[in-house]
Amino acid sequence: MRVEYDRSEFRFATIIGRTLEEKLKGKEDAARKIRGSITLECRDLEKRATVFFEGDRVVVRDGGGGESLISADFQTLNALTFGRVGMLGILKLILSGRLKINGMLFAMKFRKLLN
């Protein structure tokens, strides 16, 4: 499984790409089964990166355009990425407005890869 992102600059896509390289170790088969894209939006930093699942590779690019969306502040995205928020916590974040998700099924597949 190859994770591709711009390594020449330190950008939001770089952070996401490096995180995915670590998190996908041992989960390559599950990642290969996913098709589609998801945009991660960090509202307080005003940054977006989109993750494209393309078979044997995952491509991360700065900017939007994903079929699904996870939008939150940096602290919430970080907690989601490192498994510090369970399903009940996710529901509370959504109801409070701190977390927005479009394309819930794809977002849950993506989250499962990260945990």
N, C-alpha and C. Protein backbone atom coordinates (compact mmCIF):
# COMPACT_ATOMS: atom_id res chain seq x y z
N MET A 1 0.86 -1.17 0.00
CA MET A 1 0.00 0.00 0.00
C MET A 1 0.90 1.23 0.00
N ARG A 2 0.70 2.05 -0.97
CA ARG A 2 1.50 3.26 -1.11
C ARG A 2 0.64 4.48 -0.77
N VAL A 3 1.16 5.33 0.11
CA VAL A 3 0.49 6.58 0.45
C VAL A 3 1.29 7.70 -0.22
N GLU A 4 0.61 8.45 -1.09
CA GLU A 4 1.27 9.52 -1.84
C GLU A 4 0.78 10.88 -1.35
N TYR A 5 1.74 11.76 -1.11
CA TYR A 5 1.45 13.14 -0.73
C TYR A 5 2.69 13.97 -1.00
N ASP A 6 2.54 15.28 -1.00
CA ASP A 6 3.65 16.18 -1.25
C ASP A 6 4.58 16.19 -0.05
N ARG A 7 5.77 15.62 -0.21
CA ARG A 7 6.74 15.54 0.88
C ARG A 7 7.69 16.74 0.88
N SER A 8 7.60 17.59 -0.12
CA SER A 8 8.54 18.70 -0.23
C SER A 8 8.18 19.87 0.69
N GLU A 9 6.92 19.95 1.08
CA GLU A 9 6.48 21.04 1.95
C GLU A 9 5.69 20.46 3.11
N PHE A 10 5.67 21.19 4.22
CA PHE A 10 4.88 20.76 5.37
C PHE A 10 3.54 21.46 5.31
N ARG A 11 2.53 20.72 4.85
CA ARG A 11 1.19 21.26 4.67
C ARG A 11 0.20 20.33 5.38
N PHE A 12 -1.08 20.68 5.34
CA PHE A 12 -2.10 19.85 5.98
C PHE A 12 -2.12 18.46 5.36
N ALA A 13 -2.00 18.37 4.04
CA ALA A 13 -1.97 17.06 3.38
C ALA A 13 -0.77 16.24 3.82
N THR A 14 0.33 16.89 4.14
CA THR A 14 1.52 16.19 4.63
C THR A 14 1.24 15.53 5.98
N ILE A 15 0.58 16.26 6.86
CA ILE A 15 0.22 15.72 8.18
C ILE A 15 -0.69 14.51 8.01
N ILE A 16 -1.70 14.64 7.16
CA ILE A 16 -2.64 13.54 6.93
C ILE A 16 -1.92 12.36 6.29
N GLY A 17 -1.08 12.62 5.30
CA GLY A 17 -0.34 11.56 4.62
C GLY A 17 0.55 10.79 5.56
N ARG A 18 1.31 11.48 6.39
CA ARG A 18 2.19 10.81 7.36
C ARG A 18 1.39 9.98 8.36
N THR A 19 0.28 10.53 8.80
CA THR A 19 -0.58 9.80 9.74
C THR A 19 -1.11 8.52 9.09
N LEU A 20 -1.56 8.63 7.85
CA LEU A 20 -2.09 7.45 7.15
C LEU A 20 -1.01 6.40 6.92
N GLU A 21 0.21 6.81 6.62
CA GLU A 21 1.30 5.84 6.46
C GLU A 21 1.43 4.97 7.71
N GLU A 22 1.36 5.59 8.86
CA GLU A 22 1.48 4.84 10.12
C GLU A 22 0.23 4.00 10.41
N LYS A 23 -0.93 4.62 10.24
CA LYS A 23 -2.19 3.96 10.61
C LYS A 23 -2.57 2.81 9.69
N LEU A 24 -2.11 2.82 8.43
CA LEU A 24 -2.50 1.78 7.48
C LEU A 24 -1.62 0.54 7.54
N LYS A 25 -0.55 0.59 8.31
CA LYS A 25 0.32 -0.59 8.44
C LYS A 25 -0.49 -1.75 9.02
N GLY A 26 -0.50 -2.85 8.29
CA GLY A 26 -1.26 -4.02 8.72
C GLY A 26 -2.72 -3.99 8.31
N LYS A 27 -3.16 -2.90 7.70
CA LYS A 27 -4.56 -2.75 7.28
C LYS A 27 -4.66 -2.55 5.78
N GLU A 28 -3.64 -2.97 5.06
CA GLU A 28 -3.58 -2.74 3.62
C GLU A 28 -4.75 -3.37 2.87
N ASP A 29 -5.12 -4.60 3.24
CA ASP A 29 -6.23 -5.28 2.56
C ASP A 29 -7.54 -4.52 2.73
N ALA A 30 -7.79 -4.04 3.94
CA ALA A 30 -9.01 -3.27 4.19
C ALA A 30 -9.00 -1.96 3.40
N ALA A 31 -7.85 -1.31 3.32
CA ALA A 31 -7.74 -0.05 2.58
C ALA A 31 -7.95 -0.27 1.09
N ARG A 32 -7.47 -1.39 0.55
CA ARG A 32 -7.64 -1.68 -0.88
C ARG A 32 -9.10 -1.85 -1.27
N LYS A 33 -9.92 -2.27 -0.33
CA LYS A 33 -11.34 -2.50 -0.61
C LYS A 33 -12.15 -1.20 -0.67
N ILE A 34 -11.58 -0.14 -0.15
CA ILE A 34 -12.29 1.14 -0.12
C ILE A 34 -12.08 1.87 -1.44
N ARG A 35 -13.15 2.36 -1.99
CA ARG A 35 -13.10 3.18 -3.21
C ARG A 35 -13.82 4.49 -2.93
N GLY A 36 -13.20 5.57 -3.30
CA GLY A 36 -13.83 6.87 -3.11
C GLY A 36 -12.88 7.85 -2.50
N SER A 37 -13.42 8.96 -2.02
CA SER A 37 -12.58 10.03 -1.46
C SER A 37 -13.30 10.71 -0.31
N ILE A 38 -12.50 11.28 0.57
CA ILE A 38 -13.05 12.00 1.71
C ILE A 38 -12.20 13.23 1.97
N THR A 39 -12.88 14.34 2.20
CA THR A 39 -12.20 15.59 2.54
C THR A 39 -12.21 15.75 4.05
N LEU A 40 -11.05 16.07 4.60
CA LEU A 40 -10.92 16.39 6.02
C LEU A 40 -10.74 17.90 6.11
N GLU A 41 -11.64 18.54 6.82
CA GLU A 41 -11.62 19.99 6.95
C GLU A 41 -11.32 20.35 8.39
N CYS A 42 -10.26 21.13 8.58
CA CYS A 42 -9.90 21.63 9.90
C CYS A 42 -10.35 23.08 9.96
N ARG A 43 -11.48 23.29 10.61
CA ARG A 43 -12.11 24.61 10.56
C ARG A 43 -11.31 25.72 11.23
N ASP A 44 -10.72 25.44 12.39
CA ASP A 44 -10.00 26.51 13.08
C ASP A 44 -8.70 26.89 12.37
N LEU A 45 -8.10 25.98 11.63
CA LEU A 45 -6.90 26.30 10.87
C LEU A 45 -7.22 26.71 9.43
N GLU A 46 -8.49 26.58 9.06
CA GLU A 46 -8.96 26.88 7.70
C GLU A 46 -8.16 26.11 6.65
N LYS A 47 -8.00 24.80 6.90
CA LYS A 47 -7.26 23.92 5.99
C LYS A 47 -8.13 22.73 5.61
N ARG A 48 -7.89 22.23 4.39
CA ARG A 48 -8.57 21.04 3.90
C ARG A 48 -7.57 20.14 3.19
N ALA A 49 -7.80 18.84 3.32
CA ALA A 49 -7.04 17.86 2.54
C ALA A 49 -8.02 16.77 2.14
N THR A 50 -7.81 16.22 0.95
CA THR A 50 -8.69 15.16 0.47
C THR A 50 -7.88 13.89 0.29
N VAL A 51 -8.46 12.79 0.76
CA VAL A 51 -7.84 11.47 0.68
C VAL A 51 -8.59 10.67 -0.38
N PHE A 52 -7.85 10.20 -1.38
CA PHE A 52 -8.42 9.40 -2.47
C PHE A 52 -7.94 7.96 -2.32
N PHE A 53 -8.86 7.02 -2.24
CA PHE A 53 -8.53 5.60 -2.17
C PHE A 53 -8.61 5.03 -3.58
N GLU A 54 -7.47 4.58 -4.09
CA GLU A 54 -7.37 4.13 -5.48
C GLU A 54 -6.68 2.77 -5.56
N GLY A 55 -7.28 1.76 -4.98
CA GLY A 55 -6.72 0.41 -5.05
C GLY A 55 -5.47 0.25 -4.21
N ASP A 56 -4.31 0.09 -4.87
CA ASP A 56 -3.06 -0.12 -4.16
C ASP A 56 -2.40 1.16 -3.67
N ARG A 57 -3.07 2.28 -3.86
CA ARG A 57 -2.49 3.53 -3.40
C ARG A 57 -3.55 4.43 -2.79
N VAL A 58 -3.09 5.26 -1.89
CA VAL A 58 -3.90 6.28 -1.26
C VAL A 58 -3.20 7.60 -1.57
N VAL A 59 -3.94 8.53 -2.14
CA VAL A 59 -3.38 9.82 -2.53
C VAL A 59 -4.00 10.91 -1.66
N VAL A 60 -3.14 11.75 -1.09
CA VAL A 60 -3.60 12.84 -0.23
C VAL A 60 -3.18 14.15 -0.88
N ARG A 61 -4.16 15.03 -1.08
CA ARG A 61 -3.89 16.33 -1.70
C ARG A 61 -4.52 17.44 -0.87
N ASP A 62 -3.86 18.58 -0.85
CA ASP A 62 -4.45 19.73 -0.19
C ASP A 62 -5.68 20.18 -0.97
N GLY A 63 -6.67 20.68 -0.24
CA GLY A 63 -7.89 21.18 -0.86
C GLY A 63 -9.06 20.23 -0.68
N GLY A 64 -10.20 20.64 -1.17
CA GLY A 64 -11.44 19.87 -1.02
C GLY A 64 -11.75 19.05 -2.25
N GLY A 65 -13.01 18.67 -2.36
CA GLY A 65 -13.46 17.93 -3.52
C GLY A 65 -13.77 16.47 -3.28
N GLY A 66 -13.73 16.02 -2.04
CA GLY A 66 -14.03 14.63 -1.74
C GLY A 66 -15.51 14.33 -1.83
N GLU A 67 -15.83 13.07 -2.03
CA GLU A 67 -17.23 12.63 -2.08
C GLU A 67 -17.87 12.69 -0.70
N SER A 68 -17.06 12.55 0.34
CA SER A 68 -17.53 12.63 1.72
C SER A 68 -16.74 13.71 2.43
N LEU A 69 -17.21 14.10 3.62
CA LEU A 69 -16.58 15.19 4.35
C LEU A 69 -16.62 14.93 5.85
N ILE A 70 -15.47 15.18 6.49
CA ILE A 70 -15.40 15.25 7.95
C ILE A 70 -14.88 16.64 8.26
N SER A 71 -15.64 17.42 9.01
CA SER A 71 -15.29 18.80 9.30
C SER A 71 -15.35 19.03 10.80
N ALA A 72 -14.24 19.54 11.36
CA ALA A 72 -14.16 19.79 12.80
C ALA A 72 -12.97 20.68 13.08
N ASP A 73 -12.81 21.07 14.36
CA ASP A 73 -11.62 21.80 14.75
C ASP A 73 -10.45 20.82 14.90
N PHE A 74 -9.23 21.35 15.02
CA PHE A 74 -8.04 20.50 15.06
C PHE A 74 -8.09 19.51 16.22
N GLN A 75 -8.49 19.97 17.39
CA GLN A 75 -8.55 19.10 18.57
C GLN A 75 -9.48 17.91 18.35
N THR A 76 -10.63 18.15 17.75
CA THR A 76 -11.59 17.08 17.49
C THR A 76 -11.06 16.11 16.44
N LEU A 77 -10.49 16.64 15.35
CA LEU A 77 -9.91 15.76 14.32
C LEU A 77 -8.80 14.90 14.91
N ASN A 78 -7.98 15.49 15.75
CA ASN A 78 -6.90 14.75 16.38
C ASN A 78 -7.45 13.62 17.26
N ALA A 79 -8.47 13.91 18.04
CA ALA A 79 -9.08 12.90 18.91
C ALA A 79 -9.70 11.77 18.09
N LEU A 80 -10.34 12.10 16.97
CA LEU A 80 -10.92 11.08 16.10
C LEU A 80 -9.83 10.21 15.48
N THR A 81 -8.75 10.84 15.05
CA THR A 81 -7.66 10.13 14.39
C THR A 81 -6.99 9.13 15.31
N PHE A 82 -6.83 9.49 16.56
CA PHE A 82 -6.10 8.62 17.48
C PHE A 82 -7.01 7.83 18.41
N GLY A 83 -8.28 7.67 18.01
CA GLY A 83 -9.19 6.77 18.70
C GLY A 83 -9.60 7.18 20.09
N ARG A 84 -9.57 8.46 20.39
CA ARG A 84 -9.95 8.92 21.72
C ARG A 84 -11.43 9.25 21.85
N VAL A 85 -12.18 9.02 20.78
CA VAL A 85 -13.61 9.32 20.79
C VAL A 85 -14.36 8.09 20.30
N GLY A 86 -15.28 7.59 21.12
CA GLY A 86 -16.10 6.45 20.73
C GLY A 86 -17.36 6.92 19.99
N MET A 87 -18.22 5.98 19.69
CA MET A 87 -19.44 6.29 18.93
C MET A 87 -20.34 7.28 19.68
N LEU A 88 -20.49 7.13 20.98
CA LEU A 88 -21.32 8.06 21.74
C LEU A 88 -20.71 9.45 21.71
N GLY A 89 -19.39 9.53 21.82
CA GLY A 89 -18.70 10.81 21.75
C GLY A 89 -18.88 11.47 20.39
N ILE A 90 -18.83 10.67 19.33
CA ILE A 90 -19.04 11.19 17.98
C ILE A 90 -20.44 11.78 17.86
N LEU A 91 -21.43 11.06 18.38
CA LEU A 91 -22.80 11.56 18.34
C LEU A 91 -22.93 12.89 19.09
N LYS A 92 -22.31 12.98 20.26
CA LYS A 92 -22.35 14.23 21.03
C LYS A 92 -21.68 15.37 20.26
N LEU A 93 -20.55 15.08 19.60
CA LEU A 93 -19.86 16.11 18.82
C LEU A 93 -20.72 16.59 17.64
N ILE A 94 -21.41 15.66 17.00
CA ILE A 94 -22.29 16.03 15.89
C ILE A 94 -23.44 16.89 16.39
N LEU A 95 -24.07 16.47 17.47
CA LEU A 95 -25.21 17.23 18.01
C LEU A 95 -24.80 18.61 18.50
N SER A 96 -23.58 18.74 18.98
CA SER A 96 -23.10 20.04 19.47
C SER A 96 -22.64 20.96 18.33
N GLY A 97 -22.47 20.39 17.13
CA GLY A 97 -22.01 21.18 15.99
C GLY A 97 -20.50 21.23 15.84
N ARG A 98 -19.77 20.60 16.76
CA ARG A 98 -18.30 20.60 16.66
C ARG A 98 -17.80 19.67 15.57
N LEU A 99 -18.64 18.72 15.16
CA LEU A 99 -18.27 17.75 14.12
C LEU A 99 -19.39 17.69 13.09
N LYS A 100 -18.99 17.81 11.83
CA LYS A 100 -19.95 17.67 10.73
C LYS A 100 -19.45 16.55 9.83
N ILE A 101 -20.37 15.67 9.45
CA ILE A 101 -20.02 14.56 8.58
C ILE A 101 -21.04 14.47 7.46
N ASN A 102 -20.56 14.48 6.24
CA ASN A 102 -21.38 14.19 5.06
C ASN A 102 -20.84 12.90 4.48
N GLY A 103 -21.72 11.93 4.27
CA GLY A 103 -21.27 10.63 3.78
C GLY A 103 -20.86 9.75 4.96
N MET A 104 -21.78 9.54 5.87
CA MET A 104 -21.49 8.84 7.13
C MET A 104 -20.89 7.44 6.92
N LEU A 105 -21.41 6.66 5.97
CA LEU A 105 -20.89 5.30 5.79
C LEU A 105 -19.43 5.31 5.38
N PHE A 106 -19.07 6.17 4.45
CA PHE A 106 -17.67 6.25 4.02
C PHE A 106 -16.81 6.77 5.16
N ALA A 107 -17.31 7.76 5.89
CA ALA A 107 -16.55 8.32 7.02
C ALA A 107 -16.29 7.25 8.08
N MET A 108 -17.24 6.37 8.31
CA MET A 108 -17.05 5.32 9.31
C MET A 108 -16.01 4.29 8.83
N LYS A 109 -16.02 3.97 7.55
CA LYS A 109 -14.98 3.09 7.00
C LYS A 109 -13.60 3.72 7.18
N PHE A 110 -13.52 5.00 6.89
CA PHE A 110 -12.26 5.72 7.02
C PHE A 110 -11.80 5.71 8.47
N ARG A 111 -12.69 6.00 9.38
CA ARG A 111 -12.34 6.02 10.81
C ARG A 111 -11.87 4.66 11.28
N LYS A 112 -12.50 3.60 10.79
CA LYS A 112 -12.11 2.25 11.19
C LYS A 112 -10.66 1.96 10.78
N LEU A 113 -10.24 2.49 9.65
CA LEU A 113 -8.84 2.31 9.23
C LEU A 113 -7.87 3.00 10.18
N LEU A 114 -8.31 4.08 10.79
CA LEU A 114 -7.43 4.85 11.65
C LEU A 114 -7.31 4.28 13.04
N ASN A 115 -8.21 3.42 13.43
CA ASN A 115 -8.18 2.87 14.79
C ASN A 115 -7.64 1.46 14.82
